[in-house]
Amino acid sequence: MSPEKAFTQQQKDAMVTAIKQAEKDTSGEIRVHIENHSKIDVLDRAADVFAHLNMHKTAQRNGVLIYVALLDHKSAILGDAGINAKVPADFWDSIMKNMVAKFKEGKITEGICEAVISAGEQLKAYFPYQADDVNELPDEISFQ
């Protein structure tokens, strides 16, 4: 089954709504990518997806990718250079821990939505929303 078919339209809409809500308070850009398998190290795969989605092309280099390999039970949160230059090394750890806990309960959509909202809240401190902010990256979920 393709990863896109693993979610109802309502679940996909909930994830997109979470992205839109999270980005209201920050100039940061958040994307979610879901696939079934990561054939390489999960962080390496997330970096490949990050580049493929052109997430490194935001003006402030403040893109965040939430990557999930459903069938492999692997996930990663990857921030761009602009974020990583400003935040502590363990910045994403608590968000990741909470997301994985939801996944273990079988609540994939809820885990992703909560991670997106939490990422937006964290980004707000470093990259607050600006009046002239432009949505530089699409809000829809990326599937492969």
C-alpha atoms as a PDB file:
ATOM      1  CA  MET A   1       0.000   0.000   0.000  1.00  0.00           C
ATOM      2  CA  SER A   2       1.318   3.446  -0.841  1.00  0.00           C
ATOM      3  CA  PRO A   3       1.959   5.644   2.199  1.00  0.00           C
ATOM      4  CA  GLU A   4      -0.580   8.178   0.957  1.00  0.00           C
ATOM      5  CA  LYS A   5      -3.325   5.538   1.133  1.00  0.00           C
ATOM      6  CA  ALA A   6      -2.432   4.810   4.770  1.00  0.00           C
ATOM      7  CA  PHE A   7      -4.148   8.070   5.716  1.00  0.00           C
ATOM      8  CA  THR A   8      -7.727   9.232   5.267  1.00  0.00           C
ATOM      9  CA  GLN A   9      -8.368  12.575   3.618  1.00  0.00           C
ATOM     10  CA  GLN A  10      -9.379  13.895   7.027  1.00  0.00           C
ATOM     11  CA  GLN A  11      -6.011  12.835   8.483  1.00  0.00           C
ATOM     12  CA  LYS A  12      -4.101  14.433   5.598  1.00  0.00           C
ATOM     13  CA  ASP A  13      -6.144  17.618   6.017  1.00  0.00           C
ATOM     14  CA  ALA A  14      -5.367  17.632   9.753  1.00  0.00           C
ATOM     15  CA  MET A  15      -1.632  17.497   9.041  1.00  0.00           C
ATOM     16  CA  VAL A  16      -1.829  20.329   6.492  1.00  0.00           C
ATOM     17  CA  THR A  17      -3.921  22.387   8.933  1.00  0.00           C
ATOM     18  CA  ALA A  18      -1.265  21.826  11.618  1.00  0.00           C
ATOM     19  CA  ILE A  19       1.431  23.096   9.233  1.00  0.00           C
ATOM     20  CA  LYS A  20      -0.592  26.213   8.370  1.00  0.00           C
ATOM     21  CA  GLN A  21      -1.294  26.865  12.062  1.00  0.00           C
ATOM     22  CA  ALA A  22       2.357  26.375  13.068  1.00  0.00           C
ATOM     23  CA  GLU A  23       3.593  28.707  10.344  1.00  0.00           C
ATOM     24  CA  LYS A  24       1.270  31.541  11.479  1.00  0.00           C
ATOM     25  CA  ASP A  25       3.600  32.315  14.376  1.00  0.00           C
ATOM     26  CA  THR A  26       6.980  31.847  12.708  1.00  0.00           C
ATOM     27  CA  SER A  27       8.783  32.686   9.500  1.00  0.00           C
ATOM     28  CA  GLY A  28      10.077  29.102   9.615  1.00  0.00           C
ATOM     29  CA  GLU A  29       8.853  26.647   6.985  1.00  0.00           C
ATOM     30  CA  ILE A  30       7.690  23.173   7.978  1.00  0.00           C
ATOM     31  CA  ARG A  31       7.243  20.196   5.658  1.00  0.00           C
ATOM     32  CA  VAL A  32       6.145  16.630   6.343  1.00  0.00           C
ATOM     33  CA  HIS A  33       7.366  13.767   4.174  1.00  0.00           C
ATOM     34  CA  ILE A  34       6.000  10.245   4.561  1.00  0.00           C
ATOM     35  CA  GLU A  35       7.139   7.084   2.817  1.00  0.00           C
ATOM     36  CA  ASN A  36       7.075   3.395   3.640  1.00  0.00           C
ATOM     37  CA  HIS A  37      10.798   2.610   3.802  1.00  0.00           C
ATOM     38  CA  SER A  38      14.150   4.264   4.373  1.00  0.00           C
ATOM     39  CA  LYS A  39      16.732   2.066   2.696  1.00  0.00           C
ATOM     40  CA  ILE A  40      19.587   4.093   4.181  1.00  0.00           C
ATOM     41  CA  ASP A  41      20.229   5.688   7.574  1.00  0.00           C
ATOM     42  CA  VAL A  42      17.125   7.674   8.512  1.00  0.00           C
ATOM     43  CA  LEU A  43      18.991  10.981   8.931  1.00  0.00           C
ATOM     44  CA  ASP A  44      20.735  10.520   5.589  1.00  0.00           C
ATOM     45  CA  ARG A  45      17.397   9.793   3.934  1.00  0.00           C
ATOM     46  CA  ALA A  46      15.811  12.829   5.600  1.00  0.00           C
ATOM     47  CA  ALA A  47      18.696  14.945   4.268  1.00  0.00           C
ATOM     48  CA  ASP A  48      18.096  13.567   0.753  1.00  0.00           C
ATOM     49  CA  VAL A  49      14.389  14.400   0.978  1.00  0.00           C
ATOM     50  CA  PHE A  50      15.202  17.834   2.423  1.00  0.00           C
ATOM     51  CA  ALA A  51      17.330  18.598  -0.636  1.00  0.00           C
ATOM     52  CA  HIS A  52      14.807  17.076  -3.073  1.00  0.00           C
ATOM     53  CA  LEU A  53      12.059  19.308  -1.648  1.00  0.00           C
ATOM     54  CA  ASN A  54      14.360  22.369  -2.022  1.00  0.00           C
ATOM     55  CA  MET A  55      13.986  23.122   1.649  1.00  0.00           C
ATOM     56  CA  HIS A  56      17.461  24.645   1.753  1.00  0.00           C
ATOM     57  CA  LYS A  57      16.300  27.457  -0.529  1.00  0.00           C
ATOM     58  CA  THR A  58      14.389  29.507   2.060  1.00  0.00           C
ATOM     59  CA  ALA A  59      15.693  33.039   2.576  1.00  0.00           C
ATOM     60  CA  GLN A  60      16.591  32.494   6.229  1.00  0.00           C
ATOM     61  CA  ARG A  61      17.517  28.811   5.831  1.00  0.00           C
ATOM     62  CA  ASN A  62      14.825  28.026   8.400  1.00  0.00           C
ATOM     63  CA  GLY A  63      13.083  25.005   6.929  1.00  0.00           C
ATOM     64  CA  VAL A  64      12.170  22.007   9.084  1.00  0.00           C
ATOM     65  CA  LEU A  65      11.440  18.541   7.749  1.00  0.00           C
ATOM     66  CA  ILE A  66       9.482  15.955   9.700  1.00  0.00           C
ATOM     67  CA  TYR A  67      10.344  12.675   7.991  1.00  0.00           C
ATOM     68  CA  VAL A  68       8.507   9.403   8.626  1.00  0.00           C
ATOM     69  CA  ALA A  69       9.217   5.931   7.184  1.00  0.00           C
ATOM     70  CA  LEU A  70       5.975   4.208   8.177  1.00  0.00           C
ATOM     71  CA  LEU A  71       6.744   0.523   7.719  1.00  0.00           C
ATOM     72  CA  ASP A  72      10.308   0.811   9.016  1.00  0.00           C
ATOM     73  CA  HIS A  73       9.123   2.651  12.149  1.00  0.00           C
ATOM     74  CA  LYS A  74      11.770   5.316  11.628  1.00  0.00           C
ATOM     75  CA  SER A  75      11.492   9.069  11.797  1.00  0.00           C
ATOM     76  CA  ALA A  76      13.639  12.177  11.919  1.00  0.00           C
ATOM     77  CA  ILE A  77      13.311  15.907  12.364  1.00  0.00           C
ATOM     78  CA  LEU A  78      15.796  17.904  10.346  1.00  0.00           C
ATOM     79  CA  GLY A  79      16.355  21.657  10.546  1.00  0.00           C
ATOM     80  CA  ASP A  80      18.227  23.765   8.007  1.00  0.00           C
ATOM     81  CA  ALA A  81      21.521  25.577   8.629  1.00  0.00           C
ATOM     82  CA  GLY A  82      19.875  28.828   9.753  1.00  0.00           C
ATOM     83  CA  ILE A  83      18.045  27.020  12.533  1.00  0.00           C
ATOM     84  CA  ASN A  84      20.930  24.780  13.528  1.00  0.00           C
ATOM     85  CA  ALA A  85      23.201  27.830  13.884  1.00  0.00           C
ATOM     86  CA  LYS A  86      20.870  29.280  16.543  1.00  0.00           C
ATOM     87  CA  VAL A  87      19.506  26.351  18.539  1.00  0.00           C
ATOM     88  CA  PRO A  88      21.098  23.887  20.980  1.00  0.00           C
ATOM     89  CA  ALA A  89      22.139  20.466  19.678  1.00  0.00           C
ATOM     90  CA  ASP A  90      19.253  18.683  21.430  1.00  0.00           C
ATOM     91  CA  PHE A  91      16.660  21.160  20.120  1.00  0.00           C
ATOM     92  CA  TRP A  92      14.456  18.556  18.405  1.00  0.00           C
ATOM     93  CA  ASP A  93      14.836  15.742  20.971  1.00  0.00           C
ATOM     94  CA  SER A  94      11.716  16.369  23.064  1.00  0.00           C
ATOM     95  CA  ILE A  95       9.531  16.893  19.978  1.00  0.00           C
ATOM     96  CA  MET A  96      10.882  13.666  18.509  1.00  0.00           C
ATOM     97  CA  LYS A  97      10.353  11.770  21.774  1.00  0.00           C
ATOM     98  CA  ASN A  98       6.719  12.891  22.009  1.00  0.00           C
ATOM     99  CA  MET A  99       6.073  12.052  18.358  1.00  0.00           C
ATOM    100  CA  VAL A 100       7.522   8.548  18.723  1.00  0.00           C
ATOM    101  CA  ALA A 101       5.438   7.984  21.870  1.00  0.00           C
ATOM    102  CA  LYS A 102       2.270   8.788  19.886  1.00  0.00           C
ATOM    103  CA  PHE A 103       3.432   6.486  17.083  1.00  0.00           C
ATOM    104  CA  LYS A 104       3.814   3.636  19.594  1.00  0.00           C
ATOM    105  CA  GLU A 105       0.172   4.197  20.587  1.00  0.00           C
ATOM    106  CA  GLY A 106      -0.797   3.862  16.919  1.00  0.00           C
ATOM    107  CA  LYS A 107      -1.573   7.585  16.682  1.00  0.00           C
ATOM    108  CA  ILE A 108       0.541   8.487  13.649  1.00  0.00           C
ATOM    109  CA  THR A 109      -1.477  11.503  12.509  1.00  0.00           C
ATOM    110  CA  GLU A 110      -1.714  12.909  16.033  1.00  0.00           C
ATOM    111  CA  GLY A 111       2.021  12.440  16.546  1.00  0.00           C
ATOM    112  CA  ILE A 112       2.849  14.272  13.335  1.00  0.00           C
ATOM    113  CA  CYS A 113       0.369  17.094  14.035  1.00  0.00           C
ATOM    114  CA  GLU A 114       1.692  17.600  17.561  1.00  0.00           C
ATOM    115  CA  ALA A 115       5.296  17.569  16.289  1.00  0.00           C
ATOM    116  CA  VAL A 116       4.450  20.192  13.663  1.00  0.00           C
ATOM    117  CA  ILE A 117       2.743  22.461  16.212  1.00  0.00           C
ATOM    118  CA  SER A 118       5.608  22.022  18.691  1.00  0.00           C
ATOM    119  CA  ALA A 119       8.172  22.784  15.993  1.00  0.00           C
ATOM    120  CA  GLY A 120       6.296  25.976  15.138  1.00  0.00           C
ATOM    121  CA  GLU A 121       6.206  27.018  18.797  1.00  0.00           C
ATOM    122  CA  GLN A 122       9.939  26.409  19.169  1.00  0.00           C
ATOM    123  CA  LEU A 123      10.785  28.223  15.935  1.00  0.00           C
ATOM    124  CA  LYS A 124       8.795  31.280  17.008  1.00  0.00           C
ATOM    125  CA  ALA A 125      11.506  32.212  19.529  1.00  0.00           C
ATOM    126  CA  TYR A 126      14.239  32.225  16.888  1.00  0.00           C
ATOM    127  CA  PHE A 127      12.296  33.082  13.745  1.00  0.00           C
ATOM    128  CA  PRO A 128       9.213  35.121  14.697  1.00  0.00           C
ATOM    129  CA  TYR A 129       6.549  35.776  12.087  1.00  0.00           C
ATOM    130  CA  GLN A 130       7.188  38.950  10.106  1.00  0.00           C
ATOM    131  CA  ALA A 131       4.490  41.155   8.568  1.00  0.00           C
ATOM    132  CA  ASP A 132       6.054  40.667   5.135  1.00  0.00           C
ATOM    133  CA  ASP A 133       6.450  36.898   5.561  1.00  0.00           C
ATOM    134  CA  VAL A 134       6.001  34.820   2.426  1.00  0.00           C
ATOM    135  CA  ASN A 135       5.083  31.136   2.485  1.00  0.00           C
ATOM    136  CA  GLU A 136       8.213  29.898   0.726  1.00  0.00           C
ATOM    137  CA  LEU A 137       7.405  26.175   0.708  1.00  0.00           C
ATOM    138  CA  PRO A 138       4.185  24.262   0.002  1.00  0.00           C
ATOM    139  CA  ASP A 139       2.191  23.160   3.038  1.00  0.00           C
ATOM    140  CA  GLU A 140       0.959  19.869   1.598  1.00  0.00           C
ATOM    141  CA  ILE A 141       2.309  16.525   2.741  1.00  0.00           C
ATOM    142  CA  SER A 142       4.960  14.967   0.536  1.00  0.00           C
ATOM    143  CA  PHE A 143       4.580  11.232  -0.105  1.00  0.00           C
ATOM    144  CA  GLN A 144       6.863   8.774  -1.852  1.00  0.00           C
END
